[in-house]
Amino acid sequence: MNTTIRSLNCFLALVKCGNYTKAADQLFMTQPTLSKMIQRLEESLGTPLLVRSNQGIRLTPAGEHLKQTSESIVGQWHRLQQELGSLTDLTSGTLRLGICPMLSSLMIELLSQFRQRYPGVVLKMSEYGGYGCEQALIADKLDIAFTALPVTHSEQLDYKQLAQYPLWVCLPHSHPLTEKTSIQWQDFHNESFVLYNEDFSLAQLISRLSQQNGVKLKVAFRSGQWDFLATMVENGMGLALLPAPICQKLNSAKLTFRPMEPALHWDLALIWRKSLPLTPAADALLTLSRNFAPGDLALEEYNI
């Protein structure tokens, strides 16, 4: 058997892209070269992996099994490369970092510090919702990730909290609820709501807390973009719960913000797999974050 890590990488890229043309472009190779590599992989394993059609590709049962196994093998190979390449010092390597789009501007200072201290390490960043970050970590597609707490897979993931911010209700300026100094869950009973996509940790937190307080949110629209959520609120399409630092970025005369009663918080953290050692680059980021984390002090900066 002559199956290489490169072959598995190409197979995974093809599965992710769904067709040979996009995968070949991503891998910087020609389509015939990729096709021959996949064909040799099938011959080496003695079983077809793909069903090809004009609509694209579809995995066979053997292909599904290889996909799951390949993700683990490629992840372990990446870890081995990082460990061997960092035996002397952290002058090279790759950090596979997951980040939620909403967190990117808040974490840029920490990432800038990491970049300055370890300029030889390549930051390979992938954007996911919080739940997507968890899934990618468990599949060993990431080394570490920024997300919001709580994590869903707490038995498999460890975390270090970095910051805590209040969540504010975002209302149109003319909405009747602006007359209140704070908002309670029961105030949402007859209101439409705009919410983050379901793979966002914050969306799951808001849904769970509303249910615990006996309120079923009438979710009218979902989006992964906080500025689009705010625009929908401006246009009367629903109310939203947004983190205080996001609200302060909006600076819109059409919006009003009110705290929740009892107060709600948005907790940001770094998360990683419990069962796997951190790669040297991921460990360096975690160590750097210990001196960076503002913790609960961040709350003092956000008052309405």
Protein backbone atom coordinates (compact mmCIF):
# COMPACT_ATOMS: atom_id res chain seq x y z
CA MET A 1 0.00 0.00 0.00
CA ASN A 2 1.37 3.40 -0.97
CA THR A 3 -1.17 5.86 0.43
CA THR A 4 0.43 9.17 1.36
CA ILE A 5 -0.62 12.06 3.58
CA ARG A 6 -0.68 14.19 0.44
CA SER A 7 -3.20 11.82 -1.15
CA LEU A 8 -5.43 12.02 1.90
CA ASN A 9 -5.17 15.82 1.92
CA CYS A 10 -6.22 15.91 -1.73
CA PHE A 11 -9.11 13.52 -1.06
CA LEU A 12 -10.36 15.72 1.82
CA ALA A 13 -10.07 18.86 -0.30
CA LEU A 14 -12.10 17.20 -3.06
CA VAL A 15 -14.79 16.15 -0.60
CA LYS A 16 -14.96 19.67 0.87
CA CYS A 17 -15.13 21.43 -2.52
CA GLY A 18 -17.55 18.95 -4.08
CA ASN A 19 -15.97 18.94 -7.53
CA TYR A 20 -12.58 18.45 -9.16
CA THR A 21 -12.22 21.94 -10.65
CA LYS A 22 -12.55 23.83 -7.35
CA ALA A 23 -10.43 21.29 -5.46
CA ALA A 24 -7.63 21.42 -8.05
CA ASP A 25 -7.57 25.23 -7.86
CA GLN A 26 -7.41 25.11 -4.07
CA LEU A 27 -4.57 22.55 -4.19
CA PHE A 28 -2.67 24.45 -6.91
CA MET A 29 -2.62 21.46 -9.26
CA THR A 30 -4.24 20.55 -12.54
CA GLN A 31 -7.55 18.70 -12.64
CA PRO A 32 -6.06 15.64 -14.46
CA THR A 33 -3.33 15.38 -11.79
CA LEU A 34 -5.92 15.42 -9.02
CA SER A 35 -8.07 12.88 -10.87
CA LYS A 36 -5.12 10.49 -11.26
CA MET A 37 -4.19 10.88 -7.59
CA ILE A 38 -7.72 9.96 -6.45
CA GLN A 39 -7.78 7.05 -8.90
CA ARG A 40 -4.48 5.71 -7.50
CA LEU A 41 -5.86 6.10 -3.99
CA GLU A 42 -8.89 3.98 -4.91
CA GLU A 43 -6.66 1.38 -6.54
CA SER A 44 -4.39 1.29 -3.50
CA LEU A 45 -7.33 0.76 -1.15
CA GLY A 46 -9.05 -1.66 -3.52
CA THR A 47 -12.47 0.01 -3.38
CA PRO A 48 -14.29 2.93 -5.05
CA LEU A 49 -14.47 6.03 -2.88
CA LEU A 50 -16.57 8.32 -5.05
CA VAL A 51 -19.61 8.21 -7.29
CA ARG A 52 -19.01 10.72 -10.09
CA SER A 53 -21.82 12.47 -12.01
CA ASN A 54 -22.51 15.69 -13.88
CA GLN A 55 -23.77 17.19 -10.63
CA GLY A 56 -20.46 16.55 -8.85
CA ILE A 57 -19.28 13.79 -6.56
CA ARG A 58 -20.89 11.64 -3.90
CA LEU A 59 -19.09 9.50 -1.35
CA THR A 60 -19.51 5.75 -1.28
CA PRO A 61 -19.76 4.06 2.14
CA ALA A 62 -16.02 3.37 1.91
CA GLY A 63 -15.46 7.03 1.02
CA GLU A 64 -17.44 8.18 4.07
CA HIS A 65 -15.34 5.96 6.30
CA LEU A 66 -12.10 7.17 4.73
CA LYS A 67 -13.17 10.79 5.16
CA GLN A 68 -13.60 10.39 8.91
CA THR A 69 -10.39 8.41 9.30
CA SER A 70 -8.40 10.76 7.05
CA GLU A 71 -9.37 13.80 9.11
CA SER A 72 -7.91 12.11 12.18
CA ILE A 73 -4.74 10.95 10.36
CA VAL A 74 -4.09 14.35 8.78
CA GLY A 75 -4.70 16.06 12.12
CA GLN A 76 -2.23 13.77 13.89
CA TRP A 77 0.35 14.29 11.14
CA HIS A 78 -0.04 18.06 11.52
CA ARG A 79 0.55 17.74 15.27
CA LEU A 80 3.65 15.61 14.73
CA GLN A 81 5.06 18.14 12.28
CA GLN A 82 4.48 20.99 14.73
CA GLU A 83 6.09 19.10 17.62
CA LEU A 84 9.16 18.05 15.64
CA GLY A 85 9.54 21.50 14.12
CA SER A 86 9.45 23.18 17.53
CA LEU A 87 11.94 21.02 19.46
CA THR A 88 14.38 23.91 19.63
CA ASP A 89 12.20 27.04 19.57
CA LEU A 90 8.98 28.31 18.02
CA THR A 91 10.47 29.80 14.85
CA SER A 92 8.24 27.96 12.38
CA GLY A 93 5.05 25.93 12.09
CA THR A 94 1.35 26.51 11.58
CA LEU A 95 -1.39 27.39 14.06
CA ARG A 96 -4.82 26.18 12.93
CA LEU A 97 -7.02 28.71 14.67
CA GLY A 98 -10.81 28.80 14.72
CA ILE A 99 -12.62 32.07 15.34
CA CYS A 100 -16.23 33.26 15.36
CA PRO A 101 -16.76 36.28 13.08
CA MET A 102 -18.16 38.37 15.94
CA LEU A 103 -15.00 37.89 18.00
CA SER A 104 -12.41 38.83 15.39
CA SER A 105 -12.21 42.56 16.17
CA LEU A 106 -12.08 41.89 19.93
CA MET A 107 -9.25 39.37 19.66
CA ILE A 108 -7.13 41.25 17.11
CA GLU A 109 -4.84 42.73 19.79
CA LEU A 110 -4.00 39.28 21.15
CA LEU A 111 -3.40 37.93 17.65
CA SER A 112 -1.20 40.94 16.88
CA GLN A 113 0.89 40.24 19.98
CA PHE A 114 1.23 36.60 18.97
CA ARG A 115 2.28 37.59 15.46
CA GLN A 116 4.95 39.97 16.77
CA ARG A 117 6.37 37.41 19.19
CA TYR A 118 6.27 34.43 16.79
CA PRO A 119 6.62 35.88 13.27
CA GLY A 120 7.68 32.51 11.81
CA VAL A 121 4.42 30.77 12.75
CA VAL A 122 1.76 30.79 10.03
CA LEU A 123 -1.71 31.67 11.33
CA LYS A 124 -4.23 29.56 9.42
CA MET A 125 -7.57 31.00 10.53
CA SER A 126 -10.97 29.43 9.82
CA GLU A 127 -14.26 31.17 10.57
CA TYR A 128 -16.98 29.11 12.26
CA GLY A 129 -19.85 29.70 14.63
CA GLY A 130 -19.16 28.57 18.17
CA TYR A 131 -20.68 25.12 17.62
CA GLY A 132 -18.74 24.82 14.37
CA CYS A 133 -15.50 25.55 16.22
CA GLU A 134 -16.28 22.74 18.65
CA GLN A 135 -16.98 20.28 15.85
CA ALA A 136 -13.78 21.25 14.02
CA LEU A 137 -11.72 20.78 17.18
CA ILE A 138 -13.22 17.36 17.85
CA ALA A 139 -12.48 16.36 14.23
CA ASP A 140 -8.88 17.61 14.75
CA LYS A 141 -9.24 20.25 12.04
CA LEU A 142 -8.18 22.98 14.47
CA ASP A 143 -5.56 23.28 17.19
CA ILE A 144 -7.39 25.87 19.30
CA ALA A 145 -10.32 28.24 18.85
CA PHE A 146 -11.88 31.48 20.09
CA THR A 147 -15.56 31.08 20.97
CA ALA A 148 -18.28 32.08 23.41
CA LEU A 149 -19.15 30.03 26.49
CA PRO A 150 -20.67 27.72 27.45
CA VAL A 151 -19.33 24.93 25.26
CA THR A 152 -21.71 22.17 24.20
CA HIS A 153 -19.15 19.33 24.30
CA SER A 154 -17.83 20.09 27.79
CA GLU A 155 -16.74 16.48 28.33
CA GLN A 156 -14.35 16.73 25.37
CA LEU A 157 -13.23 20.35 25.48
CA ASP A 158 -11.30 22.48 27.94
CA TYR A 159 -11.34 26.26 28.00
CA LYS A 160 -9.83 29.43 29.42
CA GLN A 161 -12.14 32.41 29.79
CA LEU A 162 -10.72 35.61 28.28
CA ALA A 163 -13.36 38.28 28.81
CA GLN A 164 -16.94 38.94 29.87
CA TYR A 165 -19.27 41.57 28.41
CA PRO A 166 -22.92 42.47 29.01
CA LEU A 167 -25.62 41.57 26.50
CA TRP A 168 -27.94 44.44 25.60
CA VAL A 169 -31.36 44.47 23.98
CA CYS A 170 -31.20 46.28 20.65
CA LEU A 171 -34.43 48.20 19.86
CA PRO A 172 -35.63 50.65 17.22
CA HIS A 173 -35.49 54.17 18.65
CA SER A 174 -39.29 54.52 18.55
CA HIS A 175 -40.11 51.15 20.14
CA PRO A 176 -42.38 51.25 23.26
CA LEU A 177 -39.89 49.16 25.27
CA THR A 178 -37.39 52.04 25.16
CA GLU A 179 -39.44 53.64 27.94
CA LYS A 180 -38.20 50.92 30.29
CA THR A 181 -34.79 51.17 32.00
CA SER A 182 -34.26 47.40 31.68
CA ILE A 183 -35.87 44.55 29.78
CA GLN A 184 -37.14 41.22 31.14
CA TRP A 185 -37.67 37.98 29.23
CA GLN A 186 -41.44 38.32 29.49
CA ASP A 187 -41.22 41.57 27.46
CA PHE A 188 -40.36 39.45 24.40
CA HIS A 189 -43.65 37.49 24.44
CA ASN A 190 -45.29 39.47 21.64
CA GLU A 191 -42.14 40.61 19.82
CA SER A 192 -40.42 39.32 16.70
CA PHE A 193 -36.77 38.48 17.22
CA VAL A 194 -33.70 38.43 14.97
CA LEU A 195 -31.02 35.99 16.04
CA TYR A 196 -27.65 34.60 15.08
CA ASN A 197 -27.33 31.44 13.03
CA GLU A 198 -27.94 28.21 14.91
CA ASP A 199 -24.25 27.20 14.94
CA PHE A 200 -23.39 30.29 17.02
CA SER A 201 -22.86 29.61 20.73
CA LEU A 202 -24.57 32.89 21.57
CA ALA A 203 -27.69 31.86 19.63
CA GLN A 204 -27.87 28.59 21.57
CA LEU A 205 -27.35 30.43 24.87
CA ILE A 206 -30.13 32.94 24.14
CA SER A 207 -32.54 30.18 23.05
CA ARG A 208 -31.80 28.10 26.14
CA LEU A 209 -32.18 31.01 28.58
CA SER A 210 -35.44 32.16 26.99
CA GLN A 211 -36.89 28.67 27.34
CA GLN A 212 -35.76 28.48 30.97
CA ASN A 213 -37.66 31.70 31.58
CA GLY A 214 -40.82 30.39 29.93
CA VAL A 215 -40.51 32.43 26.73
CA LYS A 216 -40.55 30.99 23.22
CA LEU A 217 -38.82 33.53 21.01
CA LYS A 218 -40.54 34.33 17.73
CA VAL A 219 -37.42 34.17 15.56
CA ALA A 220 -38.20 35.97 12.29
CA PHE A 221 -34.72 36.02 10.75
CA ARG A 222 -31.22 34.67 11.38
CA SER A 223 -27.81 35.92 10.28
CA GLY A 224 -24.13 35.42 11.07
CA GLN A 225 -23.43 39.15 10.61
CA TRP A 226 -24.02 41.43 13.59
CA ASP A 227 -24.27 44.56 11.43
CA PHE A 228 -27.03 42.96 9.34
CA LEU A 229 -28.91 41.99 12.51
CA ALA A 230 -28.72 45.63 13.62
CA THR A 231 -29.98 46.83 10.24
CA MET A 232 -32.97 44.48 10.54
CA VAL A 233 -33.72 45.95 13.99
CA GLU A 234 -33.49 49.47 12.55
CA ASN A 235 -36.10 48.54 9.97
CA GLY A 236 -38.54 47.09 12.49
CA MET A 237 -38.03 43.43 11.57
CA GLY A 238 -37.46 42.33 15.17
CA LEU A 239 -35.50 42.90 18.37
CA ALA A 240 -32.04 41.49 19.05
CA LEU A 241 -29.67 40.73 21.91
CA LEU A 242 -26.19 41.98 21.08
CA PRO A 243 -22.93 42.10 23.06
CA ALA A 244 -22.12 45.55 24.43
CA PRO A 245 -18.90 46.04 22.39
CA ILE A 246 -20.86 45.25 19.22
CA CYS A 247 -23.57 47.75 20.20
CA GLN A 248 -20.96 50.46 20.71
CA LYS A 249 -19.63 49.86 17.20
CA LEU A 250 -23.05 50.51 15.66
CA ASN A 251 -23.33 54.20 16.64
CA SER A 252 -26.78 54.49 15.03
CA ALA A 253 -29.27 57.25 15.86
CA LYS A 254 -32.05 54.80 14.95
CA LEU A 255 -31.20 52.31 17.72
CA THR A 256 -31.60 52.24 21.48
CA PHE A 257 -29.99 49.74 23.87
CA ARG A 258 -31.26 48.46 27.19
CA PRO A 259 -29.78 45.96 29.68
CA MET A 260 -31.54 42.74 30.60
CA GLU A 261 -32.94 42.13 34.07
CA PRO A 262 -31.46 39.91 35.39
CA ALA A 263 -28.24 40.84 33.60
CA LEU A 264 -26.94 38.62 30.81
CA HIS A 265 -23.27 38.20 29.97
CA TRP A 266 -21.27 37.17 26.90
CA ASP A 267 -18.26 35.11 27.98
CA LEU A 268 -15.38 34.75 25.52
CA ALA A 269 -12.82 31.96 25.75
CA LEU A 270 -10.13 29.90 24.10
CA ILE A 271 -11.13 26.22 23.77
CA TRP A 272 -9.17 23.08 22.90
CA ARG A 273 -9.36 19.28 23.06
CA LYS A 274 -8.91 17.71 26.49
CA SER A 275 -7.66 14.40 25.11
CA LEU A 276 -4.91 15.83 22.89
CA PRO A 277 -1.82 17.80 23.89
CA LEU A 278 -1.72 21.35 22.60
CA THR A 279 0.63 21.96 19.70
CA PRO A 280 3.55 24.25 20.62
CA ALA A 281 2.00 27.17 18.74
CA ALA A 282 -1.42 26.69 20.39
CA ASP A 283 0.25 26.42 23.80
CA ALA A 284 2.14 29.65 23.10
CA LEU A 285 -1.13 31.45 22.25
CA LEU A 286 -2.76 30.15 25.42
CA THR A 287 0.23 31.25 27.52
CA LEU A 288 0.17 34.70 25.92
CA SER A 289 -3.57 35.02 26.63
CA ARG A 290 -2.97 34.64 30.38
CA ASN A 291 -1.33 38.05 30.47
CA PHE A 292 -3.82 39.55 28.04
CA ALA A 293 -7.18 38.44 29.48
CA PRO A 294 -9.20 41.39 30.89
CA GLY A 295 -11.65 39.03 32.64
CA ASP A 296 -14.57 40.62 34.47
CA LEU A 297 -12.91 44.05 34.36
CA ALA A 298 -14.32 44.37 30.87
CA LEU A 299 -17.74 44.91 32.42
CA GLU A 300 -16.66 48.24 33.91
CA GLU A 301 -16.16 49.70 30.45
CA TYR A 302 -19.73 49.05 29.29
CA ASN A 303 -22.47 50.96 31.02
CA ILE A 304 -25.58 52.43 29.41
